[in-house]
Amino acid sequence: MNMYVKQFNKKFNFRATNKNVRKTVKMQLVLAKSEDIENKAPQEQLEDIDTMLDVVMEYIKDVLKLDSKSVGKLEDMEMNETIDLANKIAMRIMGIDEQEAKKVVENPKKG
């Protein structure tokens, strides 16, 4: 599948291989864990955020097979932008249409 990534001004080609699906699931598990940090001590919160960023950035690097120039751009991106990109890649790998995902997020009972 092809995906244009505006942050890199480039089109990437990747596949939904077992390897990429496993990476996607692992990344999503880390994201899910990081959403529930309110009841944790500040040090645990920071450790979870650090782990989440490491996993998300590594996921993007691996799946898109980024060169060193693109890795530099990735490191300069804002955190929310990075997570959004990882989620878009994950949706494509898992076969979820972006428009359908938006509908579910906007109105979960109808989705």
PDB file of N, CA and C in Angstrom:
ATOM      1  N   MET A   1       0.831  -1.166   0.000  1.00  0.00           N
ATOM      2  CA  MET A   1       0.000   0.000   0.000  1.00  0.00           C
ATOM      3  C   MET A   1       0.880   1.235   0.000  1.00  0.00           C
ATOM      4  N   ASN A   2       0.371   2.270  -0.619  1.00  0.00           N
ATOM      5  CA  ASN A   2       1.093   3.527  -0.698  1.00  0.00           C
ATOM      6  C   ASN A   2       0.454   4.541   0.237  1.00  0.00           C
ATOM      7  N   MET A   3       1.314   5.414   0.773  1.00  0.00           N
ATOM      8  CA  MET A   3       0.813   6.460   1.667  1.00  0.00           C
ATOM      9  C   MET A   3       1.729   7.672   1.532  1.00  0.00           C
ATOM     10  N   TYR A   4       1.130   8.798   1.197  1.00  0.00           N
ATOM     11  CA  TYR A   4       1.892  10.034   1.137  1.00  0.00           C
ATOM     12  C   TYR A   4       1.956  10.623   2.541  1.00  0.00           C
ATOM     13  N   VAL A   5       3.152  10.991   2.968  1.00  0.00           N
ATOM     14  CA  VAL A   5       3.342  11.575   4.301  1.00  0.00           C
ATOM     15  C   VAL A   5       3.858  12.995   4.100  1.00  0.00           C
ATOM     16  N   LYS A   6       2.982  13.960   4.385  1.00  0.00           N
ATOM     17  CA  LYS A   6       3.327  15.352   4.108  1.00  0.00           C
ATOM     18  C   LYS A   6       4.531  15.831   4.915  1.00  0.00           C
ATOM     19  N   GLN A   7       4.714  15.304   6.127  1.00  0.00           N
ATOM     20  CA  GLN A   7       5.832  15.736   6.970  1.00  0.00           C
ATOM     21  C   GLN A   7       7.181  15.442   6.305  1.00  0.00           C
ATOM     22  N   PHE A   8       7.220  14.401   5.477  1.00  0.00           N
ATOM     23  CA  PHE A   8       8.454  14.028   4.788  1.00  0.00           C
ATOM     24  C   PHE A   8       8.410  14.397   3.305  1.00  0.00           C
ATOM     25  N   ASN A   9       7.243  14.922   2.858  1.00  0.00           N
ATOM     26  CA  ASN A   9       7.039  15.283   1.457  1.00  0.00           C
ATOM     27  C   ASN A   9       7.426  14.113   0.547  1.00  0.00           C
ATOM     28  N   LYS A  10       6.886  12.951   0.918  1.00  0.00           N
ATOM     29  CA  LYS A  10       7.301  11.732   0.228  1.00  0.00           C
ATOM     30  C   LYS A  10       6.195  10.680   0.307  1.00  0.00           C
ATOM     31  N   LYS A  11       6.146   9.833  -0.714  1.00  0.00           N
ATOM     32  CA  LYS A  11       5.221   8.707  -0.719  1.00  0.00           C
ATOM     33  C   LYS A  11       5.983   7.463  -0.273  1.00  0.00           C
ATOM     34  N   PHE A  12       5.381   6.698   0.634  1.00  0.00           N
ATOM     35  CA  PHE A  12       5.998   5.475   1.144  1.00  0.00           C
ATOM     36  C   PHE A  12       5.174   4.277   0.727  1.00  0.00           C
ATOM     37  N   ASN A  13       5.848   3.185   0.511  1.00  0.00           N
ATOM     38  CA  ASN A  13       5.195   1.931   0.183  1.00  0.00           C
ATOM     39  C   ASN A  13       5.513   0.928   1.289  1.00  0.00           C
ATOM     40  N   PHE A  14       4.491   0.367   1.897  1.00  0.00           N
ATOM     41  CA  PHE A  14       4.682  -0.653   2.923  1.00  0.00           C
ATOM     42  C   PHE A  14       3.567  -1.672   2.801  1.00  0.00           C
ATOM     43  N   ARG A  15       3.779  -2.817   3.416  1.00  0.00           N
ATOM     44  CA  ARG A  15       2.816  -3.912   3.308  1.00  0.00           C
ATOM     45  C   ARG A  15       2.317  -4.323   4.687  1.00  0.00           C
ATOM     46  N   ALA A  16       1.187  -4.980   4.699  1.00  0.00           N
ATOM     47  CA  ALA A  16       0.613  -5.499   5.945  1.00  0.00           C
ATOM     48  C   ALA A  16       1.148  -6.905   6.193  1.00  0.00           C
ATOM     49  N   THR A  17       2.463  -6.994   6.295  1.00  0.00           N
ATOM     50  CA  THR A  17       3.095  -8.285   6.571  1.00  0.00           C
ATOM     51  C   THR A  17       2.838  -8.671   8.024  1.00  0.00           C
ATOM     52  N   ASN A  18       3.046  -9.930   8.342  1.00  0.00           N
ATOM     53  CA  ASN A  18       2.900 -10.358   9.736  1.00  0.00           C
ATOM     54  C   ASN A  18       3.803  -9.532  10.644  1.00  0.00           C
ATOM     55  N   LYS A  19       5.005  -9.259  10.176  1.00  0.00           N
ATOM     56  CA  LYS A  19       5.959  -8.464  10.952  1.00  0.00           C
ATOM     57  C   LYS A  19       5.399  -7.067  11.244  1.00  0.00           C
ATOM     58  N   ASN A  20       4.834  -6.402  10.238  1.00  0.00           N
ATOM     59  CA  ASN A  20       4.280  -5.059  10.437  1.00  0.00           C
ATOM     60  C   ASN A  20       3.002  -5.080  11.265  1.00  0.00           C
ATOM     61  N   VAL A  21       2.198  -6.124  11.109  1.00  0.00           N
ATOM     62  CA  VAL A  21       0.989  -6.232  11.927  1.00  0.00           C
ATOM     63  C   VAL A  21       1.372  -6.410  13.397  1.00  0.00           C
ATOM     64  N   ARG A  22       2.371  -7.238  13.666  1.00  0.00           N
ATOM     65  CA  ARG A  22       2.824  -7.429  15.061  1.00  0.00           C
ATOM     66  C   ARG A  22       3.358  -6.132  15.640  1.00  0.00           C
ATOM     67  N   LYS A  23       4.146  -5.395  14.860  1.00  0.00           N
ATOM     68  CA  LYS A  23       4.655  -4.098  15.316  1.00  0.00           C
ATOM     69  C   LYS A  23       3.499  -3.144  15.601  1.00  0.00           C
ATOM     70  N   THR A  24       2.486  -3.204  14.757  1.00  0.00           N
ATOM     71  CA  THR A  24       1.316  -2.335  14.926  1.00  0.00           C
ATOM     72  C   THR A  24       0.590  -2.653  16.227  1.00  0.00           C
ATOM     73  N   VAL A  25       0.364  -3.922  16.480  1.00  0.00           N
ATOM     74  CA  VAL A  25      -0.342  -4.332  17.702  1.00  0.00           C
ATOM     75  C   VAL A  25       0.465  -3.931  18.942  1.00  0.00           C
ATOM     76  N   LYS A  26       1.762  -4.168  18.912  1.00  0.00           N
ATOM     77  CA  LYS A  26       2.610  -3.802  20.054  1.00  0.00           C
ATOM     78  C   LYS A  26       2.591  -2.297  20.293  1.00  0.00           C
ATOM     79  N   MET A  27       2.659  -1.516  19.214  1.00  0.00           N
ATOM     80  CA  MET A  27       2.614  -0.067  19.345  1.00  0.00           C
ATOM     81  C   MET A  27       1.279   0.381  19.918  1.00  0.00           C
ATOM     82  N   GLN A  28       0.189  -0.213  19.447  1.00  0.00           N
ATOM     83  CA  GLN A  28      -1.134   0.150  19.946  1.00  0.00           C
ATOM     84  C   GLN A  28      -1.304  -0.215  21.417  1.00  0.00           C
ATOM     85  N   LEU A  29      -0.716  -1.321  21.838  1.00  0.00           N
ATOM     86  CA  LEU A  29      -0.774  -1.694  23.257  1.00  0.00           C
ATOM     87  C   LEU A  29      -0.054  -0.659  24.123  1.00  0.00           C
ATOM     88  N   VAL A  30       1.086  -0.189  23.662  1.00  0.00           N
ATOM     89  CA  VAL A  30       1.823   0.840  24.407  1.00  0.00           C
ATOM     90  C   VAL A  30       1.013   2.131  24.462  1.00  0.00           C
ATOM     91  N   LEU A  31       0.389   2.504  23.347  1.00  0.00           N
ATOM     92  CA  LEU A  31      -0.450   3.708  23.337  1.00  0.00           C
ATOM     93  C   LEU A  31      -1.628   3.563  24.296  1.00  0.00           C
ATOM     94  N   ALA A  32      -2.243   2.392  24.311  1.00  0.00           N
ATOM     95  CA  ALA A  32      -3.372   2.159  25.211  1.00  0.00           C
ATOM     96  C   ALA A  32      -2.943   2.274  26.676  1.00  0.00           C
ATOM     97  N   LYS A  33      -1.773   1.731  26.998  1.00  0.00           N
ATOM     98  CA  LYS A  33      -1.259   1.822  28.374  1.00  0.00           C
ATOM     99  C   LYS A  33      -0.970   3.264  28.762  1.00  0.00           C
ATOM    100  N   SER A  34      -0.474   4.050  27.818  1.00  0.00           N
ATOM    101  CA  SER A  34      -0.085   5.428  28.130  1.00  0.00           C
ATOM    102  C   SER A  34      -1.296   6.335  28.324  1.00  0.00           C
ATOM    103  N   GLU A  35      -2.469   5.914  27.872  1.00  0.00           N
ATOM    104  CA  GLU A  35      -3.675   6.722  28.058  1.00  0.00           C
ATOM    105  C   GLU A  35      -4.150   6.714  29.507  1.00  0.00           C
ATOM    106  N   ASP A  36      -3.766   5.717  30.277  1.00  0.00           N
ATOM    107  CA  ASP A  36      -4.245   5.575  31.649  1.00  0.00           C
ATOM    108  C   ASP A  36      -3.120   5.907  32.633  1.00  0.00           C
ATOM    109  N   ILE A  37      -2.658   7.169  32.599  1.00  0.00           N
ATOM    110  CA  ILE A  37      -1.546   7.525  33.474  1.00  0.00           C
ATOM    111  C   ILE A  37      -1.937   8.485  34.588  1.00  0.00           C
ATOM    112  N   GLU A  38      -3.190   8.914  34.621  1.00  0.00           N
ATOM    113  CA  GLU A  38      -3.619   9.908  35.604  1.00  0.00           C
ATOM    114  C   GLU A  38      -3.408   9.460  37.046  1.00  0.00           C
ATOM    115  N   ASN A  39      -3.586   8.188  37.309  1.00  0.00           N
ATOM    116  CA  ASN A  39      -3.486   7.689  38.679  1.00  0.00           C
ATOM    117  C   ASN A  39      -2.085   7.211  39.045  1.00  0.00           C
ATOM    118  N   LYS A  40      -1.126   7.492  38.189  1.00  0.00           N
ATOM    119  CA  LYS A  40       0.242   7.053  38.450  1.00  0.00           C
ATOM    120  C   LYS A  40       1.056   8.197  39.048  1.00  0.00           C
ATOM    121  N   ALA A  41       2.114   7.821  39.718  1.00  0.00           N
ATOM    122  CA  ALA A  41       3.039   8.804  40.279  1.00  0.00           C
ATOM    123  C   ALA A  41       3.714   9.556  39.126  1.00  0.00           C
ATOM    124  N   PRO A  42       4.147  10.799  39.371  1.00  0.00           N
ATOM    125  CA  PRO A  42       4.773  11.588  38.306  1.00  0.00           C
ATOM    126  C   PRO A  42       5.928  10.872  37.603  1.00  0.00           C
ATOM    127  N   GLN A  43       6.768  10.183  38.346  1.00  0.00           N
ATOM    128  CA  GLN A  43       7.892   9.477  37.718  1.00  0.00           C
ATOM    129  C   GLN A  43       7.387   8.389  36.779  1.00  0.00           C
ATOM    130  N   GLU A  44       6.361   7.648  37.188  1.00  0.00           N
ATOM    131  CA  GLU A  44       5.789   6.608  36.330  1.00  0.00           C
ATOM    132  C   GLU A  44       5.154   7.224  35.082  1.00  0.00           C
ATOM    133  N   GLN A  45       4.513   8.361  35.246  1.00  0.00           N
ATOM    134  CA  GLN A  45       3.911   9.048  34.107  1.00  0.00           C
ATOM    135  C   GLN A  45       4.975   9.403  33.078  1.00  0.00           C
ATOM    136  N   LEU A  46       6.071   9.980  33.547  1.00  0.00           N
ATOM    137  CA  LEU A  46       7.156  10.364  32.643  1.00  0.00           C
ATOM    138  C   LEU A  46       7.795   9.148  31.972  1.00  0.00           C
ATOM    139  N   GLU A  47       7.957   8.072  32.731  1.00  0.00           N
ATOM    140  CA  GLU A  47       8.518   6.843  32.156  1.00  0.00           C
ATOM    141  C   GLU A  47       7.598   6.281  31.081  1.00  0.00           C
ATOM    142  N   ASP A  48       6.281   6.306  31.326  1.00  0.00           N
ATOM    143  CA  ASP A  48       5.322   5.819  30.331  1.00  0.00           C
ATOM    144  C   ASP A  48       5.359   6.669  29.059  1.00  0.00           C
ATOM    145  N   ILE A  49       5.445   7.985  29.222  1.00  0.00           N
ATOM    146  CA  ILE A  49       5.502   8.878  28.059  1.00  0.00           C
ATOM    147  C   ILE A  49       6.784   8.638  27.269  1.00  0.00           C
ATOM    148  N   ASP A  50       7.894   8.484  27.984  1.00  0.00           N
ATOM    149  CA  ASP A  50       9.179   8.223  27.331  1.00  0.00           C
ATOM    150  C   ASP A  50       9.130   6.915  26.541  1.00  0.00           C
ATOM    151  N   THR A  51       8.603   5.878  27.149  1.00  0.00           N
ATOM    152  CA  THR A  51       8.475   4.579  26.475  1.00  0.00           C
ATOM    153  C   THR A  51       7.565   4.692  25.260  1.00  0.00           C
ATOM    154  N   MET A  52       6.447   5.377  25.431  1.00  0.00           N
ATOM    155  CA  MET A  52       5.488   5.538  24.346  1.00  0.00           C
ATOM    156  C   MET A  52       6.135   6.248  23.159  1.00  0.00           C
ATOM    157  N   LEU A  53       6.861   7.327  23.408  1.00  0.00           N
ATOM    158  CA  LEU A  53       7.514   8.045  22.310  1.00  0.00           C
ATOM    159  C   LEU A  53       8.569   7.183  21.624  1.00  0.00           C
ATOM    160  N   ASP A  54       9.355   6.459  22.411  1.00  0.00           N
ATOM    161  CA  ASP A  54      10.363   5.561  21.821  1.00  0.00           C
ATOM    162  C   ASP A  54       9.715   4.530  20.908  1.00  0.00           C
ATOM    163  N   VAL A  55       8.650   3.899  21.388  1.00  0.00           N
ATOM    164  CA  VAL A  55       7.980   2.842  20.627  1.00  0.00           C
ATOM    165  C   VAL A  55       7.322   3.413  19.364  1.00  0.00           C
ATOM    166  N   VAL A  56       6.648   4.544  19.488  1.00  0.00           N
ATOM    167  CA  VAL A  56       5.959   5.143  18.344  1.00  0.00           C
ATOM    168  C   VAL A  56       6.966   5.580  17.280  1.00  0.00           C
ATOM    169  N   MET A  57       8.050   6.219  17.700  1.00  0.00           N
ATOM    170  CA  MET A  57       9.048   6.672  16.732  1.00  0.00           C
ATOM    171  C   MET A  57       9.746   5.490  16.063  1.00  0.00           C
ATOM    172  N   GLU A  58      10.047   4.468  16.826  1.00  0.00           N
ATOM    173  CA  GLU A  58      10.680   3.272  16.267  1.00  0.00           C
ATOM    174  C   GLU A  58       9.734   2.587  15.276  1.00  0.00           C
ATOM    175  N   TYR A  59       8.455   2.566  15.608  1.00  0.00           N
ATOM    176  CA  TYR A  59       7.432   1.979  14.729  1.00  0.00           C
ATOM    177  C   TYR A  59       7.423   2.694  13.373  1.00  0.00           C
ATOM    178  N   ILE A  60       7.368   4.010  13.415  1.00  0.00           N
ATOM    179  CA  ILE A  60       7.344   4.791  12.175  1.00  0.00           C
ATOM    180  C   ILE A  60       8.628   4.553  11.378  1.00  0.00           C
ATOM    181  N   LYS A  61       9.770   4.593  12.051  1.00  0.00           N
ATOM    182  CA  LYS A  61      11.055   4.365  11.374  1.00  0.00           C
ATOM    183  C   LYS A  61      11.084   3.009  10.685  1.00  0.00           C
ATOM    184  N   ASP A  62      10.639   1.963  11.400  1.00  0.00           N
ATOM    185  CA  ASP A  62      10.694   0.599  10.864  1.00  0.00           C
ATOM    186  C   ASP A  62       9.730   0.376   9.712  1.00  0.00           C
ATOM    187  N   VAL A  63       8.474   0.772   9.903  1.00  0.00           N
ATOM    188  CA  VAL A  63       7.463   0.486   8.884  1.00  0.00           C
ATOM    189  C   VAL A  63       7.719   1.288   7.607  1.00  0.00           C
ATOM    190  N   LEU A  64       8.089   2.566   7.758  1.00  0.00           N
ATOM    191  CA  LEU A  64       8.328   3.396   6.582  1.00  0.00           C
ATOM    192  C   LEU A  64       9.755   3.272   6.054  1.00  0.00           C
ATOM    193  N   LYS A  65      10.606   2.566   6.803  1.00  0.00           N
ATOM    194  CA  LYS A  65      12.012   2.395   6.424  1.00  0.00           C
ATOM    195  C   LYS A  65      12.660   3.757   6.140  1.00  0.00           C
ATOM    196  N   LEU A  66      12.608   4.618   7.154  1.00  0.00           N
ATOM    197  CA  LEU A  66      13.095   5.986   7.001  1.00  0.00           C
ATOM    198  C   LEU A  66      14.613   6.057   6.845  1.00  0.00           C
ATOM    199  N   ASP A  67      15.047   6.952   5.985  1.00  0.00           N
ATOM    200  CA  ASP A  67      16.478   7.234   5.872  1.00  0.00           C
ATOM    201  C   ASP A  67      16.864   8.238   6.966  1.00  0.00           C
ATOM    202  N   SER A  68      18.147   8.526   7.096  1.00  0.00           N
ATOM    203  CA  SER A  68      18.607   9.363   8.206  1.00  0.00           C
ATOM    204  C   SER A  68      18.041  10.779   8.133  1.00  0.00           C
ATOM    205  N   LYS A  69      17.840  11.316   6.938  1.00  0.00           N
ATOM    206  CA  LYS A  69      17.259  12.655   6.792  1.00  0.00           C
ATOM    207  C   LYS A  69      15.822  12.671   7.316  1.00  0.00           C
ATOM    208  N   SER A  70      15.055  11.646   6.964  1.00  0.00           N
ATOM    209  CA  SER A  70      13.664  11.563   7.421  1.00  0.00           C
ATOM    210  C   SER A  70      13.581  11.305   8.926  1.00  0.00           C
ATOM    211  N   VAL A  71      14.532  10.536   9.462  1.00  0.00           N
ATOM    212  CA  VAL A  71      14.569  10.303  10.914  1.00  0.00           C
ATOM    213  C   VAL A  71      14.767  11.633  11.633  1.00  0.00           C
ATOM    214  N   GLY A  72      15.620  12.490  11.095  1.00  0.00           N
ATOM    215  CA  GLY A  72      15.827  13.812  11.672  1.00  0.00           C
ATOM    216  C   GLY A  72      14.550  14.628  11.673  1.00  0.00           C
ATOM    217  N   LYS A  73      13.788  14.557  10.574  1.00  0.00           N
ATOM    218  CA  LYS A  73      12.501  15.262  10.510  1.00  0.00           C
ATOM    219  C   LYS A  73      11.523  14.692  11.526  1.00  0.00           C
ATOM    220  N   LEU A  74      11.522  13.367  11.677  1.00  0.00           N
ATOM    221  CA  LEU A  74      10.650  12.713  12.652  1.00  0.00           C
ATOM    222  C   LEU A  74      10.965  13.200  14.062  1.00  0.00           C
ATOM    223  N   GLU A  75      12.222  13.304  14.381  1.00  0.00           N
ATOM    224  CA  GLU A  75      12.617  13.734  15.721  1.00  0.00           C
ATOM    225  C   GLU A  75      12.243  15.185  15.988  1.00  0.00           C
ATOM    226  N   ASP A  76      12.096  15.981  14.930  1.00  0.00           N
ATOM    227  CA  ASP A  76      11.719  17.388  15.088  1.00  0.00           C
ATOM    228  C   ASP A  76      10.208  17.616  15.069  1.00  0.00           C
ATOM    229  N   MET A  77       9.432  16.565  14.827  1.00  0.00           N
ATOM    230  CA  MET A  77       7.977  16.703  14.807  1.00  0.00           C
ATOM    231  C   MET A  77       7.442  16.866  16.223  1.00  0.00           C
ATOM    232  N   GLU A  78       6.245  17.440  16.335  1.00  0.00           N
ATOM    233  CA  GLU A  78       5.581  17.543  17.629  1.00  0.00           C
ATOM    234  C   GLU A  78       5.017  16.185  18.015  1.00  0.00           C
ATOM    235  N   MET A  79       4.877  15.968  19.321  1.00  0.00           N
ATOM    236  CA  MET A  79       4.449  14.669  19.826  1.00  0.00           C
ATOM    237  C   MET A  79       3.088  14.255  19.255  1.00  0.00           C
ATOM    238  N   ASN A  80       2.107  15.144  19.276  1.00  0.00           N
ATOM    239  CA  ASN A  80       0.771  14.782  18.778  1.00  0.00           C
ATOM    240  C   ASN A  80       0.793  14.453  17.285  1.00  0.00           C
ATOM    241  N   GLU A  81       1.598  15.175  16.544  1.00  0.00           N
ATOM    242  CA  GLU A  81       1.737  14.932  15.109  1.00  0.00           C
ATOM    243  C   GLU A  81       2.356  13.548  14.863  1.00  0.00           C
ATOM    244  N   THR A  82       3.316  13.186  15.686  1.00  0.00           N
ATOM    245  CA  THR A  82       3.981  11.888  15.578  1.00  0.00           C
ATOM    246  C   THR A  82       3.006  10.757  15.878  1.00  0.00           C
ATOM    247  N   ILE A  83       2.233  10.910  16.925  1.00  0.00           N
ATOM    248  CA  ILE A  83       1.247   9.889  17.301  1.00  0.00           C
ATOM    249  C   ILE A  83       0.170   9.772  16.229  1.00  0.00           C
ATOM    250  N   ASP A  84      -0.272  10.904  15.683  1.00  0.00           N
ATOM    251  CA  ASP A  84      -1.270  10.869  14.606  1.00  0.00           C
ATOM    252  C   ASP A  84      -0.742  10.113  13.389  1.00  0.00           C
ATOM    253  N   LEU A  85       0.508  10.363  13.039  1.00  0.00           N
ATOM    254  CA  LEU A  85       1.105   9.659  11.906  1.00  0.00           C
ATOM    255  C   LEU A  85       1.169   8.157  12.167  1.00  0.00           C
ATOM    256  N   ALA A  86       1.598   7.784  13.362  1.00  0.00           N
ATOM    257  CA  ALA A  86       1.670   6.362  13.709  1.00  0.00           C
ATOM    258  C   ALA A  86       0.285   5.722  13.636  1.00  0.00           C
ATOM    259  N   ASN A  87      -0.725   6.431  14.100  1.00  0.00           N
ATOM    260  CA  ASN A  87      -2.092   5.895  14.051  1.00  0.00           C
ATOM    261  C   ASN A  87      -2.588   5.739  12.617  1.00  0.00           C
ATOM    262  N   LYS A  88      -2.247   6.684  11.739  1.00  0.00           N
ATOM    263  CA  LYS A  88      -2.653   6.573  10.333  1.00  0.00           C
ATOM    264  C   LYS A  88      -1.992   5.363   9.675  1.00  0.00           C
ATOM    265  N   ILE A  89      -0.715   5.173   9.965  1.00  0.00           N
ATOM    266  CA  ILE A  89      -0.008   4.004   9.422  1.00  0.00           C
ATOM    267  C   ILE A  89      -0.655   2.721   9.945  1.00  0.00           C
ATOM    268  N   ALA A  90      -0.945   2.700  11.244  1.00  0.00           N
ATOM    269  CA  ALA A  90      -1.557   1.513  11.866  1.00  0.00           C
ATOM    270  C   ALA A  90      -2.911   1.204  11.246  1.00  0.00           C
ATOM    271  N   MET A  91      -3.720   2.232  11.007  1.00  0.00           N
ATOM    272  CA  MET A  91      -5.028   2.012  10.383  1.00  0.00           C
ATOM    273  C   MET A  91      -4.878   1.376   9.007  1.00  0.00           C
ATOM    274  N   ARG A  92      -3.914   1.863   8.240  1.00  0.00           N
ATOM    275  CA  ARG A  92      -3.699   1.303   6.902  1.00  0.00           C
ATOM    276  C   ARG A  92      -3.275  -0.151   6.990  1.00  0.00           C
ATOM    277  N   ILE A  93      -2.366  -0.448   7.900  1.00  0.00           N
ATOM    278  CA  ILE A  93      -1.882  -1.827   8.033  1.00  0.00           C
ATOM    279  C   ILE A  93      -2.997  -2.755   8.492  1.00  0.00           C
ATOM    280  N   MET A  94      -3.860  -2.275   9.371  1.00  0.00           N
ATOM    281  CA  MET A  94      -4.940  -3.108   9.900  1.00  0.00           C
ATOM    282  C   MET A  94      -6.168  -3.116   8.980  1.00  0.00           C
ATOM    283  N   GLY A  95      -6.076  -2.399   7.865  1.00  0.00           N
ATOM    284  CA  GLY A  95      -7.167  -2.410   6.888  1.00  0.00           C
ATOM    285  C   GLY A  95      -8.356  -1.562   7.274  1.00  0.00           C
ATOM    286  N   ILE A  96      -8.126  -0.548   8.097  1.00  0.00           N
ATOM    287  CA  ILE A  96      -9.206   0.331   8.536  1.00  0.00           C
ATOM    288  C   ILE A  96      -9.187   1.577   7.663  1.00  0.00           C
ATOM    289  N   ASP A  97     -10.302   1.847   7.021  1.00  0.00           N
ATOM    290  CA  ASP A  97     -10.446   3.030   6.185  1.00  0.00           C
ATOM    291  C   ASP A  97     -10.462   4.269   7.072  1.00  0.00           C
ATOM    292  N   GLU A  98      -9.677   5.280   6.713  1.00  0.00           N
ATOM    293  CA  GLU A  98      -9.562   6.483   7.534  1.00  0.00           C
ATOM    294  C   GLU A  98     -10.895   7.212   7.687  1.00  0.00           C
ATOM    295  N   GLN A  99     -11.687   7.255   6.630  1.00  0.00           N
ATOM    296  CA  GLN A  99     -12.991   7.930   6.703  1.00  0.00           C
ATOM    297  C   GLN A  99     -13.946   7.196   7.644  1.00  0.00           C
ATOM    298  N   GLU A 100     -13.936   5.864   7.592  1.00  0.00           N
ATOM    299  CA  GLU A 100     -14.774   5.073   8.497  1.00  0.00           C
ATOM    300  C   GLU A 100     -14.327   5.253   9.942  1.00  0.00           C
ATOM    301  N   ALA A 101     -13.032   5.304  10.159  1.00  0.00           N
ATOM    302  CA  ALA A 101     -12.513   5.504  11.517  1.00  0.00           C
ATOM    303  C   ALA A 101     -12.960   6.849  12.064  1.00  0.00           C
ATOM    304  N   LYS A 102     -12.961   7.883  11.233  1.00  0.00           N
ATOM    305  CA  LYS A 102     -13.414   9.206  11.673  1.00  0.00           C
ATOM    306  C   LYS A 102     -14.882   9.176  12.074  1.00  0.00           C
ATOM    307  N   LYS A 103     -15.688   8.453  11.295  1.00  0.00           N
ATOM    308  CA  LYS A 103     -17.116   8.344  11.614  1.00  0.00           C
ATOM    309  C   LYS A 103     -17.324   7.685  12.979  1.00  0.00           C
ATOM    310  N   VAL A 104     -16.569   6.635  13.254  1.00  0.00           N
ATOM    311  CA  VAL A 104     -16.700   5.920  14.524  1.00  0.00           C
ATOM    312  C   VAL A 104     -16.268   6.818  15.689  1.00  0.00           C
ATOM    313  N   VAL A 105     -15.198   7.559  15.489  1.00  0.00           N
ATOM    314  CA  VAL A 105     -14.716   8.456  16.544  1.00  0.00           C
ATOM    315  C   VAL A 105     -15.741   9.566  16.817  1.00  0.00           C
ATOM    316  N   GLU A 106     -16.333  10.088  15.758  1.00  0.00           N
ATOM    317  CA  GLU A 106     -17.297  11.184  15.899  1.00  0.00           C
ATOM    318  C   GLU A 106     -18.624  10.711  16.491  1.00  0.00           C
ATOM    319  N   ASN A 107     -19.038   9.488  16.174  1.00  0.00           N
ATOM    320  CA  ASN A 107     -20.322   8.979  16.655  1.00  0.00           C
ATOM    321  C   ASN A 107     -20.198   7.472  16.882  1.00  0.00           C
ATOM    322  N   PRO A 108     -19.604   7.058  18.040  1.00  0.00           N
ATOM    323  CA  PRO A 108     -19.308   5.646  18.274  1.00  0.00           C
ATOM    324  C   PRO A 108     -20.525   4.726  18.250  1.00  0.00           C
ATOM    325  N   LYS A 109     -21.705   5.205  18.602  1.00  0.00           N
ATOM    326  CA  LYS A 109     -22.885   4.328  18.657  1.00  0.00           C
ATOM    327  C   LYS A 109     -23.388   3.954  17.274  1.00  0.00           C
ATOM    328  N   LYS A 110     -23.156   4.813  16.290  1.00  0.00           N
ATOM    329  CA  LYS A 110     -23.599   4.515  14.927  1.00  0.00           C
ATOM    330  C   LYS A 110     -22.564   3.746  14.144  1.00  0.00           C
ATOM    331  N   GLY A 111     -21.254   3.915  14.529  1.00  0.00           N
ATOM    332  CA  GLY A 111     -20.158   3.323  13.768  1.00  0.00           C
ATOM    333  C   GLY A 111     -20.250   1.854  13.722  1.00  0.00           C
TER     334      GLY A 111
END
